[in-house]
Amino acid sequence: MSRRRYVARGVPGGYRIWDNRARRWWGELYELCPDRLLDELNRAADHSRITALLRFYRAQKR
């Protein structure tokens, strides 16, 4: 059984993305986990698409 590479996990203060291969947190802490990001993580989990979504949400925080 194959494990997904990226998983959104609840942490104190919000959500973070866990990278199963690197065994470390990836990206920033989100108070609310964006629906589009969760959808991508639960589907194909395409690295480039996830990166684009993270950049989009990071830009909105500014």
PDB file of N, CA and C in Angstrom:
ATOM      1  N   MET A   1       0.835  -1.182   0.000  1.00  0.00           N
ATOM      2  CA  MET A   1       0.000   0.000   0.000  1.00  0.00           C
ATOM      3  C   MET A   1       0.879   1.244   0.000  1.00  0.00           C
ATOM      4  N   SER A   2       0.638   2.130  -0.904  1.00  0.00           N
ATOM      5  CA  SER A   2       1.425   3.336  -1.071  1.00  0.00           C
ATOM      6  C   SER A   2       0.892   4.472  -0.199  1.00  0.00           C
ATOM      7  N   ARG A   3       1.800   5.132   0.491  1.00  0.00           N
ATOM      8  CA  ARG A   3       1.404   6.286   1.302  1.00  0.00           C
ATOM      9  C   ARG A   3       1.510   7.547   0.470  1.00  0.00           C
ATOM     10  N   ARG A   4       0.619   8.466   0.709  1.00  0.00           N
ATOM     11  CA  ARG A   4       0.678   9.745   0.007  1.00  0.00           C
ATOM     12  C   ARG A   4       1.923  10.499   0.445  1.00  0.00           C
ATOM     13  N   ARG A   5       2.484  11.285  -0.490  1.00  0.00           N
ATOM     14  CA  ARG A   5       3.677  12.043  -0.150  1.00  0.00           C
ATOM     15  C   ARG A   5       3.339  13.214   0.755  1.00  0.00           C
ATOM     16  N   TYR A   6       2.295  13.969   0.435  1.00  0.00           N
ATOM     17  CA  TYR A   6       1.931  15.157   1.202  1.00  0.00           C
ATOM     18  C   TYR A   6       0.610  14.931   1.917  1.00  0.00           C
ATOM     19  N   VAL A   7       0.559  15.358   3.174  1.00  0.00           N
ATOM     20  CA  VAL A   7      -0.649  15.202   3.976  1.00  0.00           C
ATOM     21  C   VAL A   7      -0.841  16.481   4.772  1.00  0.00           C
ATOM     22  N   ALA A   8      -2.074  17.019   4.768  1.00  0.00           N
ATOM     23  CA  ALA A   8      -2.381  18.167   5.615  1.00  0.00           C
ATOM     24  C   ALA A   8      -2.691  17.650   7.012  1.00  0.00           C
ATOM     25  N   ARG A   9      -2.031  18.217   8.004  1.00  0.00           N
ATOM     26  CA  ARG A   9      -2.230  17.777   9.387  1.00  0.00           C
ATOM     27  C   ARG A   9      -2.558  18.972  10.267  1.00  0.00           C
ATOM     28  N   GLY A  10      -3.455  18.737  11.181  1.00  0.00           N
ATOM     29  CA  GLY A  10      -3.792  19.764  12.148  1.00  0.00           C
ATOM     30  C   GLY A  10      -2.692  19.894  13.192  1.00  0.00           C
ATOM     31  N   VAL A  11      -2.282  21.114  13.471  1.00  0.00           N
ATOM     32  CA  VAL A  11      -1.293  21.412  14.499  1.00  0.00           C
ATOM     33  C   VAL A  11      -1.840  22.556  15.339  1.00  0.00           C
ATOM     34  N   PRO A  12      -1.280  22.800  16.508  1.00  0.00           N
ATOM     35  CA  PRO A  12      -1.766  23.927  17.304  1.00  0.00           C
ATOM     36  C   PRO A  12      -1.711  25.228  16.501  1.00  0.00           C
ATOM     37  N   GLY A  13      -2.831  25.874  16.346  1.00  0.00           N
ATOM     38  CA  GLY A  13      -2.899  27.136  15.612  1.00  0.00           C
ATOM     39  C   GLY A  13      -3.349  27.009  14.175  1.00  0.00           C
ATOM     40  N   GLY A  14      -3.536  25.805  13.659  1.00  0.00           N
ATOM     41  CA  GLY A  14      -3.992  25.663  12.272  1.00  0.00           C
ATOM     42  C   GLY A  14      -3.590  24.345  11.633  1.00  0.00           C
ATOM     43  N   TYR A  15      -3.119  24.428  10.392  1.00  0.00           N
ATOM     44  CA  TYR A  15      -2.735  23.250   9.613  1.00  0.00           C
ATOM     45  C   TYR A  15      -1.362  23.458   9.002  1.00  0.00           C
ATOM     46  N   ARG A  16      -0.636  22.354   8.817  1.00  0.00           N
ATOM     47  CA  ARG A  16       0.629  22.363   8.087  1.00  0.00           C
ATOM     48  C   ARG A  16       0.629  21.169   7.154  1.00  0.00           C
ATOM     49  N   ILE A  17       1.542  21.181   6.192  1.00  0.00           N
ATOM     50  CA  ILE A  17       1.668  20.079   5.236  1.00  0.00           C
ATOM     51  C   ILE A  17       2.884  19.247   5.630  1.00  0.00           C
ATOM     52  N   TRP A  18       2.655  17.938   5.782  1.00  0.00           N
ATOM     53  CA  TRP A  18       3.717  16.999   6.146  1.00  0.00           C
ATOM     54  C   TRP A  18       4.171  16.270   4.896  1.00  0.00           C
ATOM     55  N   ASP A  19       5.479  16.241   4.662  1.00  0.00           N
ATOM     56  CA  ASP A  19       6.077  15.528   3.537  1.00  0.00           C
ATOM     57  C   ASP A  19       6.555  14.176   4.059  1.00  0.00           C
ATOM     58  N   ASN A  20       5.891  13.086   3.640  1.00  0.00           N
ATOM     59  CA  ASN A  20       6.231  11.754   4.138  1.00  0.00           C
ATOM     60  C   ASN A  20       7.601  11.279   3.673  1.00  0.00           C
ATOM     61  N   ARG A  21       8.032  11.670   2.492  1.00  0.00           N
ATOM     62  CA  ARG A  21       9.347  11.211   2.011  1.00  0.00           C
ATOM     63  C   ARG A  21      10.482  11.890   2.763  1.00  0.00           C
ATOM     64  N   ALA A  22      10.388  13.215   2.913  1.00  0.00           N
ATOM     65  CA  ALA A  22      11.445  13.954   3.596  1.00  0.00           C
ATOM     66  C   ALA A  22      11.291  13.902   5.117  1.00  0.00           C
ATOM     67  N   ARG A  23      10.108  13.487   5.572  1.00  0.00           N
ATOM     68  CA  ARG A  23       9.789  13.407   6.996  1.00  0.00           C
ATOM     69  C   ARG A  23      10.003  14.746   7.694  1.00  0.00           C
ATOM     70  N   ARG A  24       9.385  15.788   7.114  1.00  0.00           N
ATOM     71  CA  ARG A  24       9.450  17.121   7.709  1.00  0.00           C
ATOM     72  C   ARG A  24       8.263  17.945   7.237  1.00  0.00           C
ATOM     73  N   TRP A  25       8.031  19.066   7.917  1.00  0.00           N
ATOM     74  CA  TRP A  25       6.962  19.967   7.505  1.00  0.00           C
ATOM     75  C   TRP A  25       7.374  20.665   6.222  1.00  0.00           C
ATOM     76  N   TRP A  26       6.394  20.928   5.367  1.00  0.00           N
ATOM     77  CA  TRP A  26       6.641  21.575   4.084  1.00  0.00           C
ATOM     78  C   TRP A  26       5.687  22.749   3.976  1.00  0.00           C
ATOM     79  N   GLY A  27       6.188  23.929   3.690  1.00  0.00           N
ATOM     80  CA  GLY A  27       5.331  25.100   3.569  1.00  0.00           C
ATOM     81  C   GLY A  27       5.131  25.788   4.909  1.00  0.00           C
ATOM     82  N   GLU A  28       4.133  26.646   4.954  1.00  0.00           N
ATOM     83  CA  GLU A  28       3.885  27.471   6.121  1.00  0.00           C
ATOM     84  C   GLU A  28       2.699  26.973   6.927  1.00  0.00           C
ATOM     85  N   LEU A  29       2.525  27.574   8.095  1.00  0.00           N
ATOM     86  CA  LEU A  29       1.369  27.296   8.936  1.00  0.00           C
ATOM     87  C   LEU A  29       0.179  28.076   8.397  1.00  0.00           C
ATOM     88  N   TYR A  30      -0.962  27.417   8.270  1.00  0.00           N
ATOM     89  CA  TYR A  30      -2.195  28.055   7.820  1.00  0.00           C
ATOM     90  C   TYR A  30      -3.206  27.995   8.944  1.00  0.00           C
ATOM     91  N   GLU A  31      -3.812  29.141   9.261  1.00  0.00           N
ATOM     92  CA  GLU A  31      -4.850  29.150  10.288  1.00  0.00           C
ATOM     93  C   GLU A  31      -6.055  28.346   9.809  1.00  0.00           C
ATOM     94  N   LEU A  32      -6.421  28.536   8.572  1.00  0.00           N
ATOM     95  CA  LEU A  32      -7.489  27.762   7.939  1.00  0.00           C
ATOM     96  C   LEU A  32      -6.877  27.054   6.750  1.00  0.00           C
ATOM     97  N   CYS A  33      -7.140  25.796   6.601  1.00  0.00           N
ATOM     98  CA  CYS A  33      -6.583  25.059   5.475  1.00  0.00           C
ATOM     99  C   CYS A  33      -7.428  25.348   4.233  1.00  0.00           C
ATOM    100  N   PRO A  34      -6.851  25.953   3.204  1.00  0.00           N
ATOM    101  CA  PRO A  34      -7.602  26.299   1.994  1.00  0.00           C
ATOM    102  C   PRO A  34      -8.171  25.062   1.304  1.00  0.00           C
ATOM    103  N   ASP A  35      -9.425  25.159   0.861  1.00  0.00           N
ATOM    104  CA  ASP A  35     -10.102  24.030   0.226  1.00  0.00           C
ATOM    105  C   ASP A  35      -9.396  23.544  -1.032  1.00  0.00           C
ATOM    106  N   ARG A  36      -8.923  24.469  -1.865  1.00  0.00           N
ATOM    107  CA  ARG A  36      -8.250  24.054  -3.107  1.00  0.00           C
ATOM    108  C   ARG A  36      -6.978  23.281  -2.811  1.00  0.00           C
ATOM    109  N   LEU A  37      -6.257  23.699  -1.775  1.00  0.00           N
ATOM    110  CA  LEU A  37      -5.040  22.999  -1.392  1.00  0.00           C
ATOM    111  C   LEU A  37      -5.360  21.598  -0.862  1.00  0.00           C
ATOM    112  N   LEU A  38      -6.377  21.481  -0.041  1.00  0.00           N
ATOM    113  CA  LEU A  38      -6.792  20.164   0.461  1.00  0.00           C
ATOM    114  C   LEU A  38      -7.226  19.251  -0.672  1.00  0.00           C
ATOM    115  N   ASP A  39      -7.974  19.793  -1.631  1.00  0.00           N
ATOM    116  CA  ASP A  39      -8.412  18.996  -2.771  1.00  0.00           C
ATOM    117  C   ASP A  39      -7.221  18.437  -3.537  1.00  0.00           C
ATOM    118  N   GLU A  40      -6.201  19.273  -3.763  1.00  0.00           N
ATOM    119  CA  GLU A  40      -5.021  18.817  -4.497  1.00  0.00           C
ATOM    120  C   GLU A  40      -4.255  17.760  -3.706  1.00  0.00           C
ATOM    121  N   LEU A  41      -4.143  17.942  -2.395  1.00  0.00           N
ATOM    122  CA  LEU A  41      -3.450  16.960  -1.571  1.00  0.00           C
ATOM    123  C   LEU A  41      -4.181  15.622  -1.576  1.00  0.00           C
ATOM    124  N   ASN A  42      -5.499  15.647  -1.632  1.00  0.00           N
ATOM    125  CA  ASN A  42      -6.286  14.417  -1.600  1.00  0.00           C
ATOM    126  C   ASN A  42      -6.400  13.751  -2.963  1.00  0.00           C
ATOM    127  N   ARG A  43      -6.065  14.462  -4.028  1.00  0.00           N
ATOM    128  CA  ARG A  43      -6.108  13.861  -5.370  1.00  0.00           C
ATOM    129  C   ARG A  43      -4.712  13.416  -5.767  1.00  0.00           C
ATOM    130  N   ALA A  44      -4.227  13.924  -6.867  1.00  0.00           N
ATOM    131  CA  ALA A  44      -2.955  13.486  -7.430  1.00  0.00           C
ATOM    132  C   ALA A  44      -1.745  13.972  -6.647  1.00  0.00           C
ATOM    133  N   ALA A  45      -1.885  15.062  -5.891  1.00  0.00           N
ATOM    134  CA  ALA A  45      -0.782  15.655  -5.130  1.00  0.00           C
ATOM    135  C   ALA A  45       0.399  15.990  -6.032  1.00  0.00           C
ATOM    136  N   ASP A  46       0.108  16.684  -7.123  1.00  0.00           N
ATOM    137  CA  ASP A  46       1.139  17.128  -8.058  1.00  0.00           C
ATOM    138  C   ASP A  46       1.988  18.209  -7.397  1.00  0.00           C
ATOM    139  N   HIS A  47       3.292  17.977  -7.308  1.00  0.00           N
ATOM    140  CA  HIS A  47       4.200  18.886  -6.617  1.00  0.00           C
ATOM    141  C   HIS A  47       4.134  20.307  -7.175  1.00  0.00           C
ATOM    142  N   SER A  48       4.135  20.470  -8.478  1.00  0.00           N
ATOM    143  CA  SER A  48       4.120  21.809  -9.069  1.00  0.00           C
ATOM    144  C   SER A  48       2.800  22.531  -8.788  1.00  0.00           C
ATOM    145  N   ARG A  49       1.696  21.800  -8.809  1.00  0.00           N
ATOM    146  CA  ARG A  49       0.381  22.405  -8.519  1.00  0.00           C
ATOM    147  C   ARG A  49       0.293  22.818  -7.045  1.00  0.00           C
ATOM    148  N   ILE A  50       0.797  21.985  -6.150  1.00  0.00           N
ATOM    149  CA  ILE A  50       0.800  22.320  -4.727  1.00  0.00           C
ATOM    150  C   ILE A  50       1.662  23.550  -4.478  1.00  0.00           C
ATOM    151  N   THR A  51       2.832  23.604  -5.111  1.00  0.00           N
ATOM    152  CA  THR A  51       3.714  24.762  -4.964  1.00  0.00           C
ATOM    153  C   THR A  51       3.034  26.027  -5.450  1.00  0.00           C
ATOM    154  N   ALA A  52       2.343  25.963  -6.582  1.00  0.00           N
ATOM    155  CA  ALA A  52       1.637  27.132  -7.109  1.00  0.00           C
ATOM    156  C   ALA A  52       0.542  27.592  -6.148  1.00  0.00           C
ATOM    157  N   LEU A  53      -0.197  26.647  -5.579  1.00  0.00           N
ATOM    158  CA  LEU A  53      -1.244  27.004  -4.618  1.00  0.00           C
ATOM    159  C   LEU A  53      -0.650  27.614  -3.353  1.00  0.00           C
ATOM    160  N   LEU A  54       0.466  27.082  -2.874  1.00  0.00           N
ATOM    161  CA  LEU A  54       1.118  27.653  -1.691  1.00  0.00           C
ATOM    162  C   LEU A  54       1.579  29.079  -1.943  1.00  0.00           C
ATOM    163  N   ARG A  55       2.140  29.333  -3.122  1.00  0.00           N
ATOM    164  CA  ARG A  55       2.561  30.699  -3.472  1.00  0.00           C
ATOM    165  C   ARG A  55       1.366  31.639  -3.541  1.00  0.00           C
ATOM    166  N   PHE A  56       0.264  31.151  -4.094  1.00  0.00           N
ATOM    167  CA  PHE A  56      -0.953  31.953  -4.201  1.00  0.00           C
ATOM    168  C   PHE A  56      -1.468  32.349  -2.820  1.00  0.00           C
ATOM    169  N   TYR A  57      -1.568  31.383  -1.910  1.00  0.00           N
ATOM    170  CA  TYR A  57      -2.086  31.665  -0.570  1.00  0.00           C
ATOM    171  C   TYR A  57      -1.098  32.486   0.258  1.00  0.00           C
ATOM    172  N   ARG A  58       0.200  32.290   0.040  1.00  0.00           N
ATOM    173  CA  ARG A  58       1.207  33.093   0.738  1.00  0.00           C
ATOM    174  C   ARG A  58       1.105  34.553   0.321  1.00  0.00           C
ATOM    175  N   ALA A  59       0.866  34.797  -0.958  1.00  0.00           N
ATOM    176  CA  ALA A  59       0.728  36.172  -1.473  1.00  0.00           C
ATOM    177  C   ALA A  59      -0.526  36.836  -0.906  1.00  0.00           C
ATOM    178  N   GLN A  60      -1.571  36.082  -0.669  1.00  0.00           N
ATOM    179  CA  GLN A  60      -2.797  36.650  -0.103  1.00  0.00           C
ATOM    180  C   GLN A  60      -2.631  37.050   1.353  1.00  0.00           C
ATOM    181  N   LYS A  61      -1.693  36.433   2.058  1.00  0.00           N
ATOM    182  CA  LYS A  61      -1.487  36.739   3.468  1.00  0.00           C
ATOM    183  C   LYS A  61      -0.825  38.109   3.649  1.00  0.00           C
ATOM    184  N   ARG A  62      -0.172  38.621   2.598  1.00  0.00           N
ATOM    185  CA  ARG A  62       0.555  39.898   2.705  1.00  0.00           C
ATOM    186  C   ARG A  62      -0.355  41.066   2.613  1.00  0.00           C
TER     187      ARG A  62
END
